[in-house]
Amino acid sequence: MKSSQYNTLIEKEDGSLLLFNGMTNAILKVEKKNVDKIKKILSGKIKIDKDIEILKKGGFIIEDDKDELSDIIAKYKKFQFSNDYFHLTVTMTTNCNFNCKYCYQNQAKEISIKPFKINNIKENTIDSIITLVKEKIEEKKPKIFSVTFWGGEPLLEKEKIKKLSEKIKKICEKEKVEYDAFIITNGYLLDKMTIKELKDSGIKKLIITLDGTEEEHNKLRLLKNGKGTFKRIYENIKNASKEIFVKIRINVFPHNIESIKRLIDKISEDRLKVEIDLRQGEMGDNKKLKSFTLKEFAKIESELYNYIIEKIDYYNFNPFLKINQARCDATSINSLVIDADGKLYKCWGEIGGISKEIGELKENGKMKLNYRKNIWLAIDPFDEECKSCKVLPYCMGGCILGKVLAEKYSVIEYGRERCLPIKYNLEEMILLTEKTYGRRKNGIRK
């Protein structure tokens, strides 16, 4: 037996030891009196002991000839060609009612290799999608059919979302396939009636962005007429979170840290049942508002999640609940992004003209694919640096879009960091996960 190369050992001030294994996401706390023995088992000095089975179960020790990197690559390839899961991202419109300072579509225009056009999805495209979904479910027989409704601002096309979601839901129910649907929206149009209509149509999740409290949020996320959006969005989130799962996405910049903390205070005071997703804010070439480097953001991210845990006593933090099979769905053979004009892509980050389509959806629901699809299926996400990185089982090679844009289309510079912040704050995230687990175990969770 040997120690896994993806073990992280954290020695705590009370003399105990915290073990984490990146392959299994297992976390094991070792009491002070057992620390020396566990260290000897991990180093191979003790070959026979009752605790060896516990360590084997958690993946902390493995067979001498086991190649964990091969396991990771095999897991990725199995996911890539699995029929268990089919994921569609549907761009309802490339139009938006906001004029956000960091809008990725505005940034995309700067490096676009084709003109960016405002399109709203047409009825015949919706009919084609419904036909495509029916055929794919009958052909692939997936366990889960997932749909992301995307924009622009997708709720500008609410009636079309309802129609499309209701149709897909019925197909999934007939074929006994789980339907998993969510919307990424700015939340401005999310009134009570809309919440009910979306829920009835099968939408289970909402992702809505708030970038701090009113003053800072309204500097970044404002209507096209220049008016602020915070009050209305926050009220909509309060109503929606009572009926449906809501994830609040927060873009973190050097200038809005204190505002984010005040927003967390507000969420705690109102006891909103939401998940919080911190993201590294990027401003492109806008020099008026600075962005963090990934390493800087990793430090701030762990500090803010600690603040969330301290302030929201019912918050359940655990980024290790799911064992990742890939960084995202983009390289899966059963994942597609459909633009509002019916063009097909592999990543929603391509919408806006920064890449090239892999095909087109025809009116009969058939897909006409081109040779570019093979770029995504053939690209190797694991660079040499990735193969020796301790967080590889979590990050699975980083952002594939960045790799494609750099290596295949030369749109961005080669070597640009595609990693996740956990590369720099893994230990802090493990400790925060243990902290919330201990709180739940002691009955503090409400």
Protein backbone atom coordinates (compact mmCIF):
# COMPACT_ATOMS: atom_id res chain seq x y z
CA MET A 1 0.00 0.00 0.00
CA LYS A 2 1.09 3.59 -0.66
CA SER A 3 -0.15 7.06 0.13
CA SER A 4 -2.35 8.82 -2.45
CA GLN A 5 -0.64 11.69 -4.26
CA TYR A 6 -3.83 13.72 -3.77
CA ASN A 7 -3.75 13.71 0.02
CA THR A 8 -3.68 17.01 1.91
CA LEU A 9 -2.65 16.93 5.57
CA ILE A 10 -3.50 19.88 7.80
CA GLU A 11 -2.06 19.96 11.30
CA LYS A 12 -4.38 21.87 13.61
CA GLU A 13 -3.49 23.96 16.63
CA ASP A 14 -5.09 21.47 19.04
CA GLY A 15 -2.71 18.75 17.82
CA SER A 16 -5.31 16.94 15.71
CA LEU A 17 -4.84 16.20 12.03
CA LEU A 18 -7.24 16.84 9.16
CA LEU A 19 -6.90 14.58 6.11
CA PHE A 20 -8.42 15.34 2.73
CA ASN A 21 -8.26 13.19 -0.39
CA GLY A 22 -8.91 14.87 -3.74
CA MET A 23 -9.92 11.65 -5.53
CA THR A 24 -12.76 10.78 -3.15
CA ASN A 25 -13.38 14.19 -1.49
CA ALA A 26 -13.17 12.35 1.83
CA ILE A 27 -12.34 14.44 4.90
CA LEU A 28 -11.10 12.63 8.01
CA LYS A 29 -10.31 14.20 11.36
CA VAL A 30 -7.65 12.36 13.38
CA GLU A 31 -7.52 12.93 17.13
CA LYS A 32 -4.21 14.00 18.62
CA LYS A 33 -3.55 10.61 20.25
CA ASN A 34 -3.75 8.83 16.86
CA VAL A 35 -1.83 11.32 14.71
CA ASP A 36 1.59 9.64 14.91
CA LYS A 37 0.16 6.23 14.03
CA ILE A 38 -1.82 7.58 11.05
CA LYS A 39 1.27 9.39 9.74
CA LYS A 40 3.25 6.16 9.96
CA ILE A 41 0.54 4.26 8.06
CA LEU A 42 0.52 6.93 5.34
CA SER A 43 4.32 6.79 5.07
CA GLY A 44 4.29 2.98 4.84
CA LYS A 45 5.99 2.33 8.17
CA ILE A 46 2.96 0.45 9.52
CA LYS A 47 1.63 -2.28 7.22
CA ILE A 48 -1.05 -3.92 9.37
CA ASP A 49 -3.54 -2.02 11.54
CA LYS A 50 -7.32 -1.76 11.92
CA ASP A 51 -7.23 1.88 10.76
CA ILE A 52 -5.80 0.88 7.38
CA GLU A 53 -9.27 -0.10 6.15
CA ILE A 54 -10.65 3.34 7.06
CA LEU A 55 -7.82 5.01 5.18
CA LYS A 56 -8.34 2.71 2.18
CA LYS A 57 -12.06 3.50 2.10
CA GLY A 58 -11.31 7.23 2.01
CA GLY A 59 -8.69 6.79 -0.73
CA PHE A 60 -5.88 8.02 1.54
CA ILE A 61 -3.88 4.85 0.93
CA ILE A 62 -4.02 2.86 -2.31
CA GLU A 63 -2.48 -0.22 -3.92
CA ASP A 64 1.22 0.08 -4.78
CA ASP A 65 0.64 -0.27 -8.52
CA LYS A 66 -2.37 2.04 -8.72
CA ASP A 67 -1.93 4.93 -11.17
CA GLU A 68 -4.24 7.73 -10.02
CA LEU A 69 -3.56 9.94 -13.04
CA SER A 70 -4.77 7.15 -15.32
CA ASP A 71 -7.91 6.90 -13.19
CA ILE A 72 -8.55 10.64 -13.63
CA ILE A 73 -8.04 10.52 -17.40
CA ALA A 74 -10.24 7.42 -17.72
CA LYS A 75 -12.97 9.05 -15.63
CA TYR A 76 -12.87 12.11 -17.89
CA LYS A 77 -13.08 10.04 -21.07
CA LYS A 78 -15.94 7.95 -19.69
CA PHE A 79 -17.85 11.16 -18.91
CA GLN A 80 -17.03 12.62 -22.31
CA PHE A 81 -18.82 9.81 -24.16
CA SER A 82 -21.42 8.81 -21.56
CA ASN A 83 -25.10 8.76 -22.48
CA ASP A 84 -26.23 9.12 -18.85
CA TYR A 85 -26.50 12.88 -19.20
CA PHE A 86 -27.55 15.27 -21.98
CA HIS A 87 -27.16 19.01 -21.57
CA LEU A 88 -28.54 21.80 -23.74
CA THR A 89 -27.85 25.50 -23.27
CA VAL A 90 -30.44 27.55 -25.16
CA THR A 91 -29.77 31.21 -25.90
CA MET A 92 -33.20 32.80 -25.78
CA THR A 93 -31.94 36.20 -26.89
CA THR A 94 -28.67 38.09 -27.19
CA ASN A 95 -30.56 41.26 -26.23
CA CYS A 96 -30.46 42.59 -22.67
CA ASN A 97 -32.21 45.22 -20.57
CA PHE A 98 -28.98 45.95 -18.64
CA ASN A 99 -25.77 47.79 -19.48
CA CYS A 100 -23.33 46.08 -17.11
CA LYS A 101 -19.84 47.53 -16.89
CA TYR A 102 -18.17 44.13 -17.30
CA CYS A 103 -20.59 42.48 -19.76
CA TYR A 104 -18.70 39.61 -21.41
CA GLN A 105 -20.56 40.13 -24.69
CA ASN A 106 -19.28 43.70 -24.89
CA GLN A 107 -15.77 42.40 -24.22
CA ALA A 108 -16.30 39.66 -26.81
CA LYS A 109 -16.91 42.28 -29.48
CA GLU A 110 -13.34 43.47 -29.00
CA ILE A 111 -11.90 40.09 -30.05
CA SER A 112 -14.78 38.87 -32.21
CA ILE A 113 -13.98 37.05 -35.40
CA LYS A 114 -17.46 37.70 -36.78
CA PRO A 115 -20.02 40.50 -36.42
CA PHE A 116 -22.11 40.43 -33.25
CA LYS A 117 -25.84 40.62 -33.91
CA ILE A 118 -28.83 40.98 -31.59
CA ASN A 119 -31.10 37.98 -32.15
CA ASN A 120 -34.26 36.71 -30.46
CA ILE A 121 -35.01 33.01 -30.74
CA LYS A 122 -37.63 32.28 -33.40
CA GLU A 123 -40.68 30.03 -33.00
CA ASN A 124 -39.43 27.68 -35.71
CA THR A 125 -36.12 27.30 -33.82
CA ILE A 126 -38.06 26.41 -30.66
CA ASP A 127 -40.02 23.79 -32.63
CA SER A 128 -36.74 22.41 -33.98
CA ILE A 129 -35.30 22.19 -30.45
CA ILE A 130 -38.37 20.27 -29.26
CA THR A 131 -37.94 17.81 -32.12
CA LEU A 132 -34.22 17.50 -31.36
CA VAL A 133 -34.90 16.84 -27.65
CA LYS A 134 -37.44 14.14 -28.44
CA GLU A 135 -35.06 12.38 -30.83
CA LYS A 136 -32.07 12.62 -28.50
CA ILE A 137 -33.99 11.25 -25.52
CA GLU A 138 -35.27 8.33 -27.59
CA GLU A 139 -31.79 7.70 -29.04
CA LYS A 140 -29.55 8.27 -26.00
CA LYS A 141 -31.98 7.36 -23.20
CA PRO A 142 -30.17 9.61 -20.68
CA LYS A 143 -30.85 9.48 -16.96
CA ILE A 144 -30.87 13.28 -16.78
CA PHE A 145 -31.78 15.85 -19.43
CA SER A 146 -30.51 19.27 -18.41
CA VAL A 147 -31.38 22.63 -19.95
CA THR A 148 -29.86 26.03 -19.20
CA PHE A 149 -31.83 29.04 -20.43
CA TRP A 150 -29.33 31.75 -21.24
CA GLY A 151 -28.95 35.22 -22.79
CA GLY A 152 -28.57 38.21 -23.03
CA GLU A 153 -31.40 38.39 -20.57
CA PRO A 154 -33.50 35.24 -21.15
CA LEU A 155 -36.59 36.54 -19.34
CA LEU A 156 -37.08 39.03 -22.16
CA GLU A 157 -38.40 35.92 -23.91
CA LYS A 158 -40.37 34.52 -20.95
CA GLU A 159 -43.28 33.12 -22.97
CA LYS A 160 -40.91 31.19 -25.20
CA ILE A 161 -39.05 29.82 -22.15
CA LYS A 162 -42.37 28.61 -20.72
CA LYS A 163 -43.35 26.94 -24.00
CA LEU A 164 -39.99 25.25 -24.47
CA SER A 165 -39.63 24.13 -20.86
CA GLU A 166 -43.19 22.75 -20.66
CA LYS A 167 -42.68 20.74 -23.85
CA ILE A 168 -39.33 19.30 -22.73
CA LYS A 169 -40.74 18.51 -19.28
CA LYS A 170 -43.60 16.50 -20.83
CA ILE A 171 -41.20 14.58 -23.08
CA CYS A 172 -38.99 13.74 -20.09
CA GLU A 173 -41.98 12.66 -17.98
CA LYS A 174 -43.20 10.38 -20.77
CA GLU A 175 -39.77 8.77 -21.17
CA LYS A 176 -39.13 8.66 -17.39
CA VAL A 177 -36.07 10.91 -17.69
CA GLU A 178 -35.17 13.42 -14.98
CA TYR A 179 -35.60 16.98 -16.22
CA ASP A 180 -33.17 19.47 -14.69
CA ALA A 181 -33.67 23.06 -15.86
CA PHE A 182 -32.39 26.42 -14.69
CA ILE A 183 -32.13 30.02 -15.82
CA ILE A 184 -29.22 32.43 -15.61
CA THR A 185 -30.95 35.79 -15.27
CA ASN A 186 -30.26 39.28 -13.97
CA GLY A 187 -33.47 38.89 -11.94
CA TYR A 188 -34.99 42.27 -12.81
CA LEU A 189 -38.08 40.82 -14.51
CA LEU A 190 -38.61 38.09 -11.93
CA ASP A 191 -41.93 39.17 -10.43
CA LYS A 192 -44.17 36.83 -8.38
CA MET A 193 -46.24 35.72 -11.36
CA THR A 194 -43.11 34.94 -13.36
CA ILE A 195 -41.70 32.87 -10.50
CA LYS A 196 -44.88 30.77 -10.40
CA GLU A 197 -44.98 30.36 -14.17
CA LEU A 198 -41.36 29.27 -14.34
CA LYS A 199 -41.82 26.80 -11.49
CA ASP A 200 -44.93 25.34 -13.13
CA SER A 201 -43.04 24.92 -16.41
CA GLY A 202 -40.35 22.79 -14.73
CA ILE A 203 -37.64 25.36 -13.94
CA LYS A 204 -35.94 24.23 -10.73
CA LYS A 205 -33.09 26.72 -10.26
CA LEU A 206 -32.22 30.36 -10.78
CA ILE A 207 -28.79 31.98 -10.90
CA ILE A 208 -28.95 35.73 -10.24
CA THR A 209 -26.12 38.21 -9.87
CA LEU A 210 -25.76 40.80 -7.08
CA ASP A 211 -22.44 42.61 -6.78
CA GLY A 212 -22.75 44.01 -3.27
CA THR A 213 -25.32 46.27 -1.67
CA GLU A 214 -27.21 48.98 -3.52
CA GLU A 215 -24.50 51.60 -3.88
CA GLU A 216 -21.81 49.33 -5.36
CA HIS A 217 -24.13 46.99 -7.26
CA ASN A 218 -25.75 49.92 -9.07
CA LYS A 219 -22.36 51.14 -10.27
CA LEU A 220 -21.81 47.87 -12.12
CA ARG A 221 -25.25 46.53 -13.00
CA LEU A 222 -27.60 49.22 -14.24
CA LEU A 223 -30.40 49.46 -16.76
CA LYS A 224 -29.75 50.76 -20.23
CA ASN A 225 -31.34 54.05 -19.19
CA GLY A 226 -28.75 54.36 -16.40
CA LYS A 227 -31.08 53.61 -13.48
CA GLY A 228 -30.14 51.28 -10.63
CA THR A 229 -31.39 47.71 -10.31
CA PHE A 230 -30.53 46.50 -6.79
CA LYS A 231 -33.79 47.09 -4.89
CA ARG A 232 -35.97 45.37 -7.42
CA ILE A 233 -33.63 42.40 -7.88
CA TYR A 234 -33.21 41.87 -4.14
CA GLU A 235 -36.98 41.93 -3.57
CA ASN A 236 -37.42 39.45 -6.41
CA ILE A 237 -34.79 37.15 -4.87
CA LYS A 238 -36.60 37.30 -1.51
CA ASN A 239 -39.80 36.15 -3.18
CA ALA A 240 -38.18 33.57 -5.45
CA SER A 241 -36.12 31.91 -2.72
CA LYS A 242 -39.34 30.92 -0.94
CA GLU A 243 -40.48 28.96 -4.00
CA ILE A 244 -37.42 27.80 -5.91
CA PHE A 245 -33.66 27.23 -5.50
CA VAL A 246 -31.71 30.48 -5.93
CA LYS A 247 -27.98 30.88 -6.30
CA ILE A 248 -26.67 34.42 -5.90
CA ARG A 249 -23.59 34.97 -8.00
CA ILE A 250 -21.28 37.73 -6.76
CA ASN A 251 -18.48 39.15 -8.90
CA VAL A 252 -15.64 40.12 -6.60
CA PHE A 253 -13.46 43.16 -7.33
CA PRO A 254 -10.99 45.03 -5.12
CA HIS A 255 -13.43 47.93 -4.79
CA ASN A 256 -16.55 46.02 -3.64
CA ILE A 257 -15.28 43.75 -0.82
CA GLU A 258 -16.86 45.74 2.02
CA SER A 259 -20.09 46.09 0.06
CA ILE A 260 -20.20 42.32 -0.41
CA LYS A 261 -19.88 41.88 3.36
CA ARG A 262 -22.79 44.26 3.89
CA LEU A 263 -24.81 42.25 1.37
CA ILE A 264 -24.01 39.07 3.33
CA ASP A 265 -25.18 40.84 6.50
CA LYS A 266 -28.44 41.71 4.74
CA ILE A 267 -28.96 38.13 3.50
CA SER A 268 -28.40 36.91 7.06
CA GLU A 269 -30.79 39.46 8.58
CA ASP A 270 -33.51 38.48 6.10
CA ARG A 271 -32.66 34.78 6.55
CA LEU A 272 -32.73 34.12 2.83
CA LYS A 273 -32.31 30.47 1.89
CA VAL A 274 -29.89 30.95 -0.99
CA GLU A 275 -26.58 29.59 -2.16
CA ILE A 276 -23.75 32.09 -2.70
CA ASP A 277 -21.30 31.73 -5.56
CA LEU A 278 -18.27 34.03 -5.45
CA ARG A 279 -16.62 34.72 -8.81
CA GLN A 280 -13.45 36.48 -9.85
CA GLY A 281 -14.67 39.69 -11.47
CA GLU A 282 -13.01 40.54 -14.76
CA MET A 283 -13.05 43.95 -16.38
CA GLY A 284 -11.19 43.22 -19.60
CA ASP A 285 -9.36 46.34 -20.74
CA ASN A 286 -11.39 48.70 -18.55
CA LYS A 287 -8.61 50.27 -16.48
CA LYS A 288 -10.99 52.30 -14.32
CA LEU A 289 -12.01 49.21 -12.33
CA LYS A 290 -9.21 46.83 -11.37
CA SER A 291 -9.52 43.06 -11.13
CA PHE A 292 -7.79 40.57 -8.84
CA THR A 293 -5.25 38.07 -10.10
CA LEU A 294 -6.37 34.48 -9.55
CA LYS A 295 -4.02 34.09 -6.60
CA GLU A 296 -5.26 37.32 -5.01
CA PHE A 297 -8.86 36.29 -5.56
CA ALA A 298 -8.26 32.88 -3.96
CA LYS A 299 -7.24 34.59 -0.72
CA ILE A 300 -10.25 36.93 -0.77
CA GLU A 301 -12.59 34.07 -1.71
CA SER A 302 -11.71 32.01 1.37
CA GLU A 303 -11.97 35.09 3.59
CA LEU A 304 -15.43 35.93 2.22
CA TYR A 305 -16.72 32.37 2.55
CA ASN A 306 -15.52 32.40 6.15
CA TYR A 307 -17.47 35.64 6.62
CA ILE A 308 -20.55 33.99 5.10
CA ILE A 309 -20.26 31.03 7.46
CA GLU A 310 -19.82 33.30 10.47
CA LYS A 311 -22.72 35.59 9.60
CA ILE A 312 -25.24 33.09 8.19
CA ASP A 313 -25.59 30.45 10.88
CA TYR A 314 -27.65 28.13 8.68
CA TYR A 315 -25.31 28.25 5.68
CA ASN A 316 -24.04 24.85 4.55
CA PHE A 317 -20.62 25.27 2.91
CA ASN A 318 -19.10 22.27 1.15
CA PRO A 319 -17.46 22.64 -2.27
CA PHE A 320 -16.55 18.94 -2.15
CA LEU A 321 -20.06 17.44 -2.27
CA LYS A 322 -19.65 16.36 -5.88
CA ILE A 323 -16.79 14.39 -7.42
CA ASN A 324 -16.02 16.19 -10.67
CA GLN A 325 -15.76 14.20 -13.88
CA ALA A 326 -14.78 17.18 -16.03
CA ARG A 327 -14.31 20.92 -15.68
CA CYS A 328 -17.57 21.51 -17.56
CA ASP A 329 -19.83 19.90 -20.16
CA ALA A 330 -18.19 21.55 -23.17
CA THR A 331 -16.15 18.50 -24.23
CA SER A 332 -19.02 16.04 -23.75
CA ILE A 333 -20.43 14.52 -26.91
CA ASN A 334 -23.90 15.03 -25.39
CA SER A 335 -23.65 18.74 -24.66
CA LEU A 336 -24.64 21.55 -27.00
CA VAL A 337 -25.15 25.30 -26.93
CA ILE A 338 -27.82 26.62 -29.27
CA ASP A 339 -27.61 30.29 -30.16
CA ALA A 340 -30.75 32.35 -30.77
CA ASP A 341 -30.16 32.08 -34.52
CA GLY A 342 -29.93 28.28 -34.45
CA LYS A 343 -26.13 28.07 -34.70
CA LEU A 344 -24.51 25.38 -32.53
CA TYR A 345 -21.54 25.79 -30.20
CA LYS A 346 -19.84 23.83 -27.42
CA CYS A 347 -19.49 26.55 -24.78
CA TRP A 348 -21.83 29.39 -23.83
CA GLY A 349 -18.77 31.65 -23.55
CA GLU A 350 -18.59 31.54 -27.35
CA ILE A 351 -21.91 33.35 -27.81
CA GLY A 352 -21.07 36.80 -29.08
CA GLY A 353 -18.76 35.89 -31.90
CA ILE A 354 -15.47 35.01 -30.16
CA SER A 355 -15.37 31.54 -31.70
CA LYS A 356 -16.80 29.55 -34.57
CA GLU A 357 -19.93 27.43 -34.64
CA ILE A 358 -19.68 23.64 -34.80
CA GLY A 359 -22.87 23.42 -36.82
CA GLU A 360 -26.45 24.50 -37.29
CA LEU A 361 -29.87 23.30 -36.15
CA LYS A 362 -32.16 22.72 -39.10
CA GLU A 363 -35.96 23.21 -39.12
CA ASN A 364 -36.59 19.46 -38.98
CA GLY A 365 -34.66 19.18 -35.69
CA LYS A 366 -31.63 17.65 -37.37
CA MET A 367 -28.16 18.96 -36.68
CA LYS A 368 -25.73 19.75 -39.47
CA LEU A 369 -22.34 19.51 -37.75
CA ASN A 370 -18.97 20.51 -39.18
CA TYR A 371 -15.36 19.49 -38.54
CA ARG A 372 -14.98 21.99 -35.64
CA LYS A 373 -16.85 19.68 -33.27
CA ASN A 374 -13.79 17.43 -33.31
CA ILE A 375 -11.61 20.20 -31.86
CA TRP A 376 -13.63 20.01 -28.66
CA LEU A 377 -13.81 16.22 -28.57
CA ALA A 378 -10.10 15.72 -29.27
CA ILE A 379 -8.52 18.44 -27.18
CA ASP A 380 -6.57 17.21 -24.15
CA PRO A 381 -7.50 19.28 -21.06
CA PHE A 382 -4.55 18.00 -19.02
CA ASP A 383 -1.38 20.05 -19.51
CA GLU A 384 1.89 18.74 -18.04
CA GLU A 385 1.54 21.18 -15.15
CA CYS A 386 -1.97 19.84 -14.49
CA LYS A 387 -0.74 16.27 -14.23
CA SER A 388 1.42 17.11 -11.21
CA CYS A 389 -1.10 19.43 -9.52
CA LYS A 390 -2.75 18.34 -6.27
CA VAL A 391 -6.13 19.84 -7.20
CA LEU A 392 -6.38 18.13 -10.60
CA PRO A 393 -9.24 15.79 -9.50
CA TYR A 394 -11.25 18.90 -8.56
CA CYS A 395 -10.36 21.26 -11.41
CA MET A 396 -9.99 18.58 -14.16
CA GLY A 397 -7.73 20.71 -16.31
CA GLY A 398 -9.35 24.13 -16.03
CA CYS A 399 -11.28 26.16 -18.58
CA ILE A 400 -11.47 24.34 -21.92
CA LEU A 401 -12.73 27.42 -23.78
CA GLY A 402 -9.51 29.22 -22.86
CA LYS A 403 -7.49 26.34 -24.24
CA VAL A 404 -9.45 26.22 -27.49
CA LEU A 405 -9.29 29.99 -28.01
CA ALA A 406 -5.54 30.00 -27.39
CA GLU A 407 -4.40 26.80 -29.10
CA LYS A 408 -6.86 26.46 -31.98
CA TYR A 409 -8.09 29.95 -32.81
CA SER A 410 -5.24 32.13 -31.42
CA VAL A 411 -7.82 34.61 -30.07
CA ILE A 412 -6.18 34.94 -26.64
CA GLU A 413 -2.57 34.51 -25.63
CA TYR A 414 -1.25 30.97 -25.08
CA GLY A 415 -0.37 30.14 -21.49
CA ARG A 416 -3.05 32.31 -19.91
CA GLU A 417 -4.00 30.81 -16.57
CA ARG A 418 -7.06 28.56 -16.82
CA CYS A 419 -6.91 27.28 -13.25
CA LEU A 420 -9.47 27.56 -10.46
CA PRO A 421 -8.83 29.52 -7.25
CA ILE A 422 -8.76 26.28 -5.26
CA LYS A 423 -5.25 25.80 -6.63
CA TYR A 424 -4.22 28.47 -4.12
CA ASN A 425 -6.73 28.04 -1.27
CA LEU A 426 -7.34 24.28 -1.00
CA GLU A 427 -6.42 24.09 2.69
CA GLU A 428 -8.64 27.03 3.60
CA MET A 429 -11.60 25.44 1.78
CA ILE A 430 -11.07 22.15 3.61
CA LEU A 431 -11.00 23.94 6.96
CA LEU A 432 -14.17 25.89 6.13
CA THR A 433 -15.94 22.66 5.15
CA GLU A 434 -14.93 21.09 8.46
CA LYS A 435 -16.14 24.20 10.27
CA THR A 436 -19.67 23.97 8.87
CA TYR A 437 -19.77 20.21 9.41
CA GLY A 438 -18.88 20.67 13.07
CA ARG A 439 -21.57 23.31 13.40
CA ARG A 440 -24.24 21.02 11.92
CA LYS A 441 -23.11 18.12 14.09
CA ASN A 442 -23.50 20.29 17.19
CA GLY A 443 -27.01 21.28 16.19
CA ILE A 444 -26.33 24.92 15.32
CA ARG A 445 -27.72 24.61 11.79
CA LYS A 446 -31.27 26.03 11.69
